[in-house]
Protein backbone atom coordinates (compact mmCIF):
# COMPACT_ATOMS: atom_id res chain seq x y z
CA MET A 1 -70.82 -34.18 42.00
CA ASP A 2 -74.57 -33.90 41.91
CA ILE A 3 -74.79 -30.72 43.95
CA LYS A 4 -78.29 -29.62 44.85
CA PRO A 5 -78.30 -26.09 46.27
CA LEU A 6 -80.34 -25.84 49.42
CA ILE A 7 -81.25 -22.53 51.00
CA ARG A 8 -81.96 -22.93 54.69
CA GLY A 9 -81.24 -19.81 56.69
CA ARG A 10 -80.14 -19.87 60.33
CA ALA A 11 -79.20 -16.96 62.53
CA LEU A 12 -77.57 -16.15 65.85
CA TRP A 13 -75.36 -13.63 67.53
CA ALA A 14 -71.67 -14.45 67.39
CA VAL A 15 -68.75 -12.95 69.28
CA VAL A 16 -65.49 -14.27 67.87
CA GLY A 17 -61.90 -13.31 67.25
CA ALA A 18 -59.74 -11.21 69.48
CA GLY A 19 -56.00 -11.06 69.78
CA THR A 20 -52.85 -9.05 69.87
CA VAL A 21 -50.73 -7.58 67.12
CA ALA A 22 -47.04 -8.31 66.64
CA ALA A 23 -44.40 -7.01 64.27
CA THR A 24 -44.18 -8.47 60.77
CA ALA A 25 -41.92 -8.56 57.78
CA PHE A 26 -44.89 -9.20 55.50
CA SER A 27 -46.60 -6.18 54.02
CA VAL A 28 -49.58 -7.88 52.44
CA THR A 29 -50.84 -10.01 55.29
CA ALA A 30 -54.29 -9.62 56.75
CA GLU A 31 -52.87 -9.89 60.23
CA ALA A 32 -50.25 -7.51 61.48
CA ALA A 33 -48.02 -10.52 62.12
CA PRO A 34 -48.00 -13.40 59.62
CA ALA A 35 -50.44 -16.13 60.49
CA HIS A 36 -47.56 -18.52 59.84
CA ALA A 37 -46.34 -17.56 63.33
CA ALA A 38 -48.41 -19.22 66.04
CA ALA A 39 -48.32 -16.20 68.31
CA ALA A 40 -49.73 -13.84 65.69
CA HIS A 41 -53.40 -13.12 66.22
CA ALA A 42 -55.46 -10.63 64.30
CA ALA A 43 -56.50 -7.55 66.27
CA ARG A 44 -60.17 -7.82 65.57
CA THR A 45 -63.47 -8.35 67.32
CA TRP A 46 -66.64 -9.35 65.54
CA HIS A 47 -70.13 -9.05 66.95
CA ARG A 48 -72.75 -9.41 64.28
CA TRP A 49 -75.85 -11.22 63.20
CA HIS A 50 -74.88 -14.21 61.08
CA GLN A 51 -77.21 -15.99 58.71
CA TRP A 52 -76.17 -18.85 56.46
CA HIS A 53 -77.35 -21.64 54.21
CA GLN A 54 -76.29 -25.17 53.40
CA LEU A 55 -74.72 -25.36 49.96
CA CYS A 56 -75.81 -28.94 49.29
CA ALA A 57 -78.81 -31.10 50.00
CA ALA A 58 -78.39 -34.23 52.10
CA PRO A 59 -76.74 -37.03 50.09
CA GLY A 60 -78.00 -40.40 48.98
CA THR A 61 -76.13 -43.65 48.50
CA ASP A 62 -75.29 -43.01 44.84
CA GLN A 63 -74.12 -39.38 44.73
CA ALA A 64 -71.88 -37.65 47.25
CA SER A 65 -72.76 -34.33 48.81
CA CYS A 66 -70.57 -31.53 50.11
CA ASP A 67 -70.46 -30.68 53.83
CA VAL A 68 -70.42 -26.88 53.52
CA LEU A 69 -72.45 -24.00 54.94
CA GLN A 70 -71.91 -20.43 53.76
CA VAL A 71 -72.55 -17.28 55.79
CA ASP A 72 -74.81 -14.89 53.87
CA ASP A 73 -74.10 -11.62 55.63
CA ALA A 74 -70.40 -11.59 56.51
CA ALA A 75 -69.42 -7.91 56.29
CA GLU A 76 -65.94 -8.06 54.77
CA PRO A 77 -63.33 -5.47 55.85
CA VAL A 78 -61.25 -6.44 52.81
CA ALA A 79 -61.72 -5.96 49.10
CA ALA A 80 -63.99 -8.59 47.60
CA PHE A 81 -61.23 -9.83 45.32
CA GLY A 82 -57.52 -10.15 46.00
CA VAL A 83 -55.21 -9.29 48.86
CA THR A 84 -55.77 -6.36 51.21
CA ALA A 85 -52.82 -5.26 53.32
CA ASN A 86 -53.29 -4.85 57.07
CA ALA A 87 -56.92 -5.97 57.00
CA ALA A 88 -58.42 -9.18 58.31
CA PRO A 89 -61.13 -11.06 56.43
CA SER A 90 -64.14 -12.01 58.52
CA GLY A 91 -63.91 -15.50 59.95
CA TYR A 92 -61.12 -17.39 61.65
CA GLY A 93 -57.75 -17.24 59.94
CA PRO A 94 -54.68 -19.47 60.25
CA ALA A 95 -53.41 -17.87 63.46
CA ASP A 96 -56.76 -18.46 65.15
CA LEU A 97 -56.72 -22.17 64.30
CA ILE A 98 -53.06 -22.55 65.26
CA SER A 99 -53.86 -20.93 68.61
CA ALA A 100 -57.07 -22.89 69.21
CA TYR A 101 -55.43 -26.24 68.55
CA ASP A 102 -51.91 -25.47 69.83
CA LEU A 103 -50.25 -26.31 66.53
CA PRO A 104 -46.73 -25.63 65.28
CA ALA A 105 -46.23 -22.43 63.30
CA ASN A 106 -44.44 -24.19 60.45
CA GLY A 107 -46.47 -27.40 60.33
CA GLY A 108 -46.48 -29.92 57.54
CA SER A 109 -42.91 -29.54 56.37
CA GLY A 110 -41.88 -32.40 54.09
CA GLN A 111 -45.43 -33.80 53.86
CA THR A 112 -47.95 -34.05 51.02
CA ILE A 113 -51.67 -33.66 51.67
CA ALA A 114 -54.26 -34.59 49.05
CA VAL A 115 -57.70 -33.03 48.76
CA ILE A 116 -60.37 -35.05 46.94
CA ASP A 117 -63.17 -33.15 45.23
CA ALA A 118 -65.53 -33.56 42.27
CA ASP A 119 -65.20 -31.74 38.94
CA ASP A 120 -62.80 -28.98 37.98
CA ASP A 121 -62.31 -25.68 39.75
CA PRO A 122 -60.32 -23.66 37.18
CA ASN A 123 -59.51 -20.95 39.75
CA ALA A 124 -58.25 -23.32 42.45
CA ALA A 125 -54.56 -22.49 42.14
CA GLY A 126 -55.11 -18.73 41.96
CA ASP A 127 -57.57 -18.66 44.84
CA LEU A 128 -55.21 -20.72 46.98
CA ASN A 129 -52.42 -18.26 46.24
CA THR A 130 -54.63 -15.31 47.24
CA TYR A 131 -55.56 -16.93 50.56
CA ARG A 132 -51.94 -17.68 51.38
CA GLN A 133 -50.75 -14.22 50.38
CA GLN A 134 -53.40 -12.55 52.52
CA TYR A 135 -52.20 -14.40 55.59
CA GLY A 136 -48.47 -14.32 54.88
CA LEU A 137 -48.16 -18.06 54.30
CA PRO A 138 -45.39 -19.48 52.09
CA ALA A 139 -46.23 -19.55 48.39
CA CYS A 140 -47.71 -22.87 47.24
CA THR A 141 -47.90 -22.84 43.47
CA THR A 142 -47.54 -25.18 40.53
CA SER A 143 -44.35 -23.43 39.47
CA ASN A 144 -42.56 -23.92 42.80
CA GLY A 145 -43.68 -27.56 43.00
CA CYS A 146 -45.86 -27.11 46.09
CA PHE A 147 -49.28 -27.38 44.43
CA LYS A 148 -50.54 -29.88 41.88
CA LYS A 149 -54.01 -30.30 40.36
CA VAL A 150 -54.79 -33.55 38.56
CA SER A 151 -57.65 -35.76 37.45
CA SER A 152 -58.36 -39.15 39.00
CA SER A 153 -56.15 -40.66 36.30
CA GLY A 154 -53.25 -38.40 37.29
CA SER A 155 -53.46 -36.07 34.29
CA SER A 156 -52.78 -32.38 34.84
CA THR A 157 -54.08 -31.45 31.37
CA SER A 158 -57.13 -33.67 30.84
CA LEU A 159 -59.30 -32.54 33.73
CA PRO A 160 -62.98 -33.18 34.51
CA PRO A 161 -65.68 -30.75 33.35
CA LYS A 162 -65.87 -27.48 35.21
CA ALA A 163 -67.72 -27.63 38.49
CA SER A 164 -71.28 -26.42 38.69
CA ALA A 165 -73.44 -25.34 41.61
CA ASN A 166 -71.31 -24.86 44.73
CA GLN A 167 -68.29 -27.11 44.24
CA GLY A 168 -65.87 -24.18 43.82
CA ALA A 169 -66.52 -23.10 47.39
CA GLU A 170 -65.91 -26.68 48.59
CA ASP A 171 -62.54 -26.79 46.83
CA SER A 172 -61.47 -23.45 48.26
CA LEU A 173 -62.57 -24.36 51.78
CA ASP A 174 -60.58 -27.61 51.67
CA LEU A 175 -57.42 -26.06 50.25
CA ASP A 176 -57.52 -23.04 52.56
CA MET A 177 -57.95 -25.12 55.73
CA VAL A 178 -55.07 -27.43 54.79
CA SER A 179 -52.97 -24.31 54.23
CA ALA A 180 -54.03 -22.78 57.54
CA VAL A 181 -52.92 -25.64 59.78
CA ALA A 182 -50.12 -27.19 57.69
CA PRO A 183 -48.67 -24.20 55.82
CA ASP A 184 -45.40 -25.91 54.84
CA ALA A 185 -47.00 -29.03 53.33
CA HIS A 186 -47.31 -29.70 49.61
CA ILE A 187 -50.89 -30.04 48.33
CA ILE A 188 -52.42 -32.22 45.60
CA LEU A 189 -55.97 -31.48 44.46
CA VAL A 190 -57.39 -34.61 42.80
CA GLU A 191 -60.55 -33.88 40.84
CA ALA A 192 -62.97 -36.73 40.18
CA SER A 193 -65.33 -36.81 37.19
CA GLY A 194 -68.54 -36.92 39.19
CA GLY A 195 -69.75 -37.70 42.67
CA GLY A 196 -70.34 -41.44 42.59
CA VAL A 197 -68.24 -43.90 44.54
CA SER A 198 -66.77 -45.15 41.26
CA ASN A 199 -65.66 -41.55 40.57
CA MET A 200 -64.39 -40.43 43.95
CA GLY A 201 -62.80 -43.74 44.96
CA PRO A 202 -60.29 -43.84 42.08
CA ALA A 203 -59.35 -40.23 42.92
CA VAL A 204 -58.40 -41.41 46.41
CA ASN A 205 -56.29 -44.21 44.96
CA GLU A 206 -54.59 -41.76 42.61
CA ALA A 207 -53.76 -39.43 45.50
CA VAL A 208 -52.02 -42.26 47.33
CA LYS A 209 -50.26 -43.35 44.12
CA LEU A 210 -48.89 -39.80 43.79
CA GLY A 211 -47.36 -40.00 47.26
CA ALA A 212 -49.89 -38.33 49.55
CA LYS A 213 -49.77 -39.72 53.09
CA PHE A 214 -52.73 -37.58 54.17
CA VAL A 215 -56.04 -37.54 52.27
CA SER A 216 -58.89 -35.14 53.05
CA ASN A 217 -62.33 -36.44 52.02
CA SER A 218 -64.84 -33.62 52.55
CA TYR A 219 -67.79 -35.41 50.98
CA ILE A 220 -70.29 -37.97 52.15
CA TRP A 221 -72.74 -40.62 50.97
CA LYS A 222 -75.47 -42.22 53.03
CA GLU A 223 -74.04 -45.53 54.19
CA SER A 224 -74.96 -48.75 52.39
CA SER A 225 -74.30 -52.48 52.55
CA SER A 226 -71.70 -52.03 49.80
CA ASP A 227 -69.43 -49.93 52.01
CA PRO A 228 -67.20 -52.78 53.27
CA THR A 229 -66.43 -53.58 49.62
CA TYR A 230 -65.67 -49.93 48.89
CA ASP A 231 -63.32 -49.94 51.88
CA LYS A 232 -61.06 -52.52 50.28
CA ASP A 233 -61.30 -50.97 46.82
CA TYR A 234 -60.59 -47.36 47.78
CA TYR A 235 -60.01 -46.50 51.45
CA ASP A 236 -57.82 -49.26 52.92
CA HIS A 237 -54.37 -47.72 52.49
CA PRO A 238 -52.09 -48.72 55.39
CA GLY A 239 -49.79 -45.95 56.51
CA VAL A 240 -52.01 -43.26 54.95
CA VAL A 241 -54.39 -40.92 56.81
CA MET A 242 -57.95 -40.96 55.46
CA ALA A 243 -59.84 -38.08 57.08
CA ALA A 244 -63.58 -38.02 56.32
CA GLY A 245 -66.31 -35.69 57.57
CA SER A 246 -69.34 -37.00 59.47
CA GLY A 247 -71.78 -34.73 57.63
CA ASP A 248 -73.86 -31.65 58.42
CA TRP A 249 -77.35 -33.07 59.01
CA ASP A 250 -77.09 -34.03 62.70
CA TYR A 251 -77.78 -37.39 64.35
CA SER A 252 -81.26 -37.82 62.90
CA TRP A 253 -79.98 -38.14 59.33
CA GLY A 254 -77.94 -41.26 60.04
CA VAL A 255 -74.37 -42.39 59.50
CA GLY A 256 -72.45 -41.39 56.39
CA TYR A 257 -69.68 -42.94 54.31
CA PRO A 258 -66.63 -42.89 54.03
CA SER A 259 -66.71 -41.38 57.54
CA SER A 260 -68.00 -44.72 58.83
CA SER A 261 -65.12 -46.68 57.32
CA PRO A 262 -62.80 -48.25 59.91
CA TYR A 263 -59.94 -47.18 57.63
CA ALA A 264 -60.91 -43.51 57.89
CA THR A 265 -60.60 -41.03 60.74
CA SER A 266 -64.20 -39.92 61.23
CA VAL A 267 -64.29 -36.15 61.81
CA GLY A 268 -67.10 -34.45 63.71
CA GLY A 269 -67.75 -30.73 64.09
CA THR A 270 -67.65 -28.23 66.95
CA SER A 271 -68.60 -24.67 67.66
CA LEU A 272 -65.26 -22.96 68.39
CA VAL A 273 -65.51 -19.69 70.31
CA LYS A 274 -62.92 -17.29 71.69
CA ALA A 275 -62.91 -17.28 75.52
CA SER A 276 -61.12 -15.80 78.52
CA ASN A 277 -60.12 -19.18 79.98
CA SER A 278 -56.57 -20.53 80.09
CA ARG A 279 -56.89 -22.13 76.66
CA GLY A 280 -58.34 -18.98 75.15
CA TRP A 281 -61.14 -20.94 73.46
CA THR A 282 -64.19 -23.07 74.22
CA GLU A 283 -65.79 -25.79 72.14
CA THR A 284 -69.19 -27.44 72.18
CA VAL A 285 -70.92 -29.84 69.82
CA TRP A 286 -71.96 -28.01 66.66
CA ASN A 287 -75.74 -28.21 66.42
CA THR A 288 -77.52 -25.15 65.08
CA LYS A 289 -81.02 -26.58 64.91
CA ALA A 290 -82.76 -29.85 64.08
CA GLY A 291 -81.44 -31.07 60.74
CA GLU A 292 -78.30 -28.94 60.86
CA GLY A 293 -75.27 -29.96 62.88
CA THR A 294 -72.46 -32.46 63.03
CA GLY A 295 -73.28 -36.06 62.23
CA SER A 296 -72.72 -39.05 64.50
CA GLY A 297 -74.09 -42.52 65.15
CA CYS A 298 -73.68 -46.28 64.97
CA SER A 299 -72.99 -47.87 61.60
CA ALA A 300 -75.32 -50.57 60.35
CA TYR A 301 -72.68 -52.16 58.11
CA GLU A 302 -69.10 -51.47 59.16
CA SER A 303 -67.37 -53.72 61.71
CA LYS A 304 -66.12 -52.16 64.91
CA PRO A 305 -62.34 -51.67 64.84
CA SER A 306 -60.43 -53.25 67.72
CA TRP A 307 -59.23 -49.88 69.01
CA GLN A 308 -62.72 -48.40 69.40
CA LYS A 309 -63.99 -49.41 72.84
CA ASP A 310 -67.39 -47.73 73.35
CA SER A 311 -69.99 -50.27 74.46
CA GLY A 312 -73.25 -48.85 73.10
CA CYS A 313 -72.57 -49.63 69.45
CA ALA A 314 -71.59 -53.13 68.30
CA LYS A 315 -70.29 -51.80 64.98
CA ARG A 316 -68.27 -48.75 63.90
CA THR A 317 -69.14 -45.57 65.82
CA GLU A 318 -68.95 -42.13 64.20
CA ALA A 319 -66.89 -39.94 65.02
CA ASP A 320 -63.26 -40.29 66.20
CA VAL A 321 -62.19 -36.64 66.63
CA ALA A 322 -63.58 -33.22 65.76
CA ALA A 323 -62.70 -29.64 64.83
CA VAL A 324 -64.24 -26.28 63.93
CA ALA A 325 -67.44 -26.52 61.87
CA ASP A 326 -70.08 -24.05 63.13
CA PRO A 327 -70.69 -21.42 60.40
CA GLY A 328 -71.79 -18.98 63.10
CA HIS A 329 -68.18 -19.02 64.26
CA GLY A 330 -66.80 -19.91 60.85
CA VAL A 331 -63.56 -19.74 58.91
CA ALA A 332 -62.38 -17.29 56.28
CA VAL A 333 -62.21 -18.69 52.73
CA TYR A 334 -61.35 -17.21 49.36
CA ASP A 335 -63.28 -18.40 46.28
CA SER A 336 -63.51 -16.40 43.08
CA TYR A 337 -64.91 -19.11 40.80
CA GLN A 338 -68.49 -19.32 41.98
CA GLU A 339 -68.51 -16.79 44.81
CA LYS A 340 -67.60 -13.13 45.30
CA GLY A 341 -64.15 -13.73 46.76
CA TRP A 342 -63.81 -13.58 50.54
CA GLY A 343 -66.47 -15.31 52.60
CA VAL A 344 -67.13 -17.20 55.82
CA TYR A 345 -67.90 -20.91 55.84
CA GLY A 346 -68.53 -23.85 58.14
CA GLY A 347 -69.48 -27.51 58.07
CA THR A 348 -67.49 -30.68 58.56
CA SER A 349 -65.84 -29.78 55.27
CA ALA A 350 -63.92 -27.27 57.38
CA ALA A 351 -63.15 -29.75 60.15
CA THR A 352 -61.95 -32.52 57.84
CA PRO A 353 -59.03 -30.75 56.12
CA VAL A 354 -58.08 -29.24 59.49
CA ILE A 355 -57.69 -32.74 60.92
CA ALA A 356 -55.82 -33.95 57.82
CA GLY A 357 -53.45 -31.02 58.30
CA VAL A 358 -52.93 -31.77 61.98
CA TYR A 359 -51.96 -35.33 61.10
CA ALA A 360 -49.42 -33.89 58.64
CA ASP A 361 -48.06 -31.64 61.39
CA ALA A 362 -47.54 -34.79 63.48
CA GLY A 363 -45.39 -36.53 60.86
CA THR A 364 -45.52 -39.47 58.46
CA PRO A 365 -47.56 -42.45 59.74
CA PRO A 366 -45.60 -45.69 60.13
CA SER A 367 -45.83 -48.15 57.25
CA GLY A 368 -48.70 -50.57 57.71
CA SER A 369 -50.44 -48.51 60.39
CA ASN A 370 -54.07 -47.41 60.58
CA PRO A 371 -53.84 -43.73 61.59
CA ALA A 372 -57.52 -43.71 62.63
CA SER A 373 -56.40 -45.63 65.72
CA PHE A 374 -53.78 -43.08 66.83
CA PRO A 375 -56.08 -40.78 68.89
CA TYR A 376 -57.32 -43.77 70.90
CA ALA A 377 -53.77 -44.49 72.08
CA ASN A 378 -53.35 -40.98 73.52
CA PRO A 379 -56.75 -39.37 74.25
CA GLY A 380 -55.18 -37.13 76.89
CA ALA A 381 -53.57 -35.15 74.08
CA LEU A 382 -56.99 -33.90 72.94
CA ASN A 383 -59.40 -31.20 74.13
CA ASP A 384 -62.29 -33.20 75.54
CA VAL A 385 -65.60 -31.65 74.42
CA THR A 386 -68.20 -32.23 77.14
CA SER A 387 -71.11 -29.95 76.22
CA GLY A 388 -73.79 -30.01 73.55
CA ASN A 389 -75.57 -32.58 71.39
CA ASP A 390 -76.57 -33.21 67.79
CA GLY A 391 -79.99 -34.70 68.53
CA SER A 392 -81.77 -37.24 70.71
CA CYS A 393 -80.74 -40.87 70.96
CA SER A 394 -80.18 -43.93 73.13
CA PRO A 395 -77.62 -44.60 74.39
CA SER A 396 -77.20 -40.87 74.84
CA TYR A 397 -73.45 -40.69 74.22
CA LEU A 398 -74.01 -41.41 70.53
CA CYS A 399 -75.48 -37.91 70.15
CA THR A 400 -74.54 -36.06 73.35
CA ALA A 401 -71.15 -34.83 74.51
CA GLN A 402 -69.78 -36.30 77.70
CA LYS A 403 -66.47 -36.72 79.47
CA GLY A 404 -64.33 -39.06 77.40
CA TYR A 405 -65.62 -40.56 74.17
CA ASP A 406 -68.88 -39.48 72.55
CA GLY A 407 -70.35 -39.73 69.07
CA PRO A 408 -70.50 -36.08 67.95
CA THR A 409 -66.90 -35.15 68.83
CA GLY A 410 -65.24 -38.53 69.35
CA LEU A 411 -62.35 -38.23 71.76
CA GLY A 412 -62.11 -34.45 71.27
CA THR A 413 -60.27 -31.82 69.26
CA PRO A 414 -56.54 -31.32 68.67
CA ASN A 415 -54.46 -30.08 71.60
CA GLY A 416 -51.14 -30.12 69.80
CA THR A 417 -50.18 -33.09 67.64
CA GLY A 418 -49.66 -35.74 70.32
CA ALA A 419 -52.83 -37.67 69.50
CA PHE A 420 -52.10 -37.80 65.77
CA HIS A 421 -48.98 -39.95 65.58
CA SER A 422 -48.29 -43.50 66.71
């Protein structure tokens, strides 16, 4: 992937993370009870100045870009490398996400989730193991058959060149978020040899060939007139979830692909914050500042699917659903390849694998189905996000949250798994 580092600092005060401690049989978990149990929350409160930067420049039509932002000043209460017993890394952990989205504690059992990324992360398996150990999640390794890393041709030995720039952090973010919300699922990391459509598309096909029913696509191109052709070549897989992030450059940047594909579930981003309400959390549209926030909009090229009923866009509207993405209230990630170990991240590259994992929690999609349509059949099983915007537009719902459907957050965020099965 042609990753262009982009330093663009943002800052705000953040108050996140508070919970109770329960007993545990795990001695190496960050939380006093394993995050694998839904009721286990870390006993921690954070109140600090966060500043972050986007890891990748906005994409073009020929090379994909990552959707990741990294916090610069996350003060880690754990050792930089490895597992620290009875200490919680900064950022939301698995128990936080399970609580926020009312997910099962043992989600993903019997399912296989694929993560598509560019180039090779040689530390992917080890970093994944460290993350899962820290939070008391079941081991997911090559030796126990839970984790597999292959090229877009399916080879586990002939892999792409090692990743440069910031791709290691992207891989770790994807794998860790899948683990957080679907801890019992098997994971396949398919590494493409570059960031073009002709590189990433075959990796998607290989993932499906290897049996994945859930594919997380945390990358984006600027949409083009060729996208309907790419749909048929790479993303039209009936009975398979294609989750794709809407990007991190707000409404003004435009619509991205494959998020705009009618065969993909388009995933927007929210700011997820701990609260004293009955849910325990609040969510608003993630929009830090002009040029930085969740993407949304009306496609210029993709036909409107029959199940999408909004009236202000004659073609495909982005997004369908949303999840945590604000780096100011970000997620904990472990990456030792290109970073210092534990860190805090955001972007729709966090939201996308979360949604892929929630689909896996909900069970195998029926043969021949288009899982992107599932949330539209049961919107009441989602947390409707009604506050915030990702820019200025007309009609306003394409960039501004409202009751019911809107562009930035779609129909809302997971409230259990009811909206993610047929």
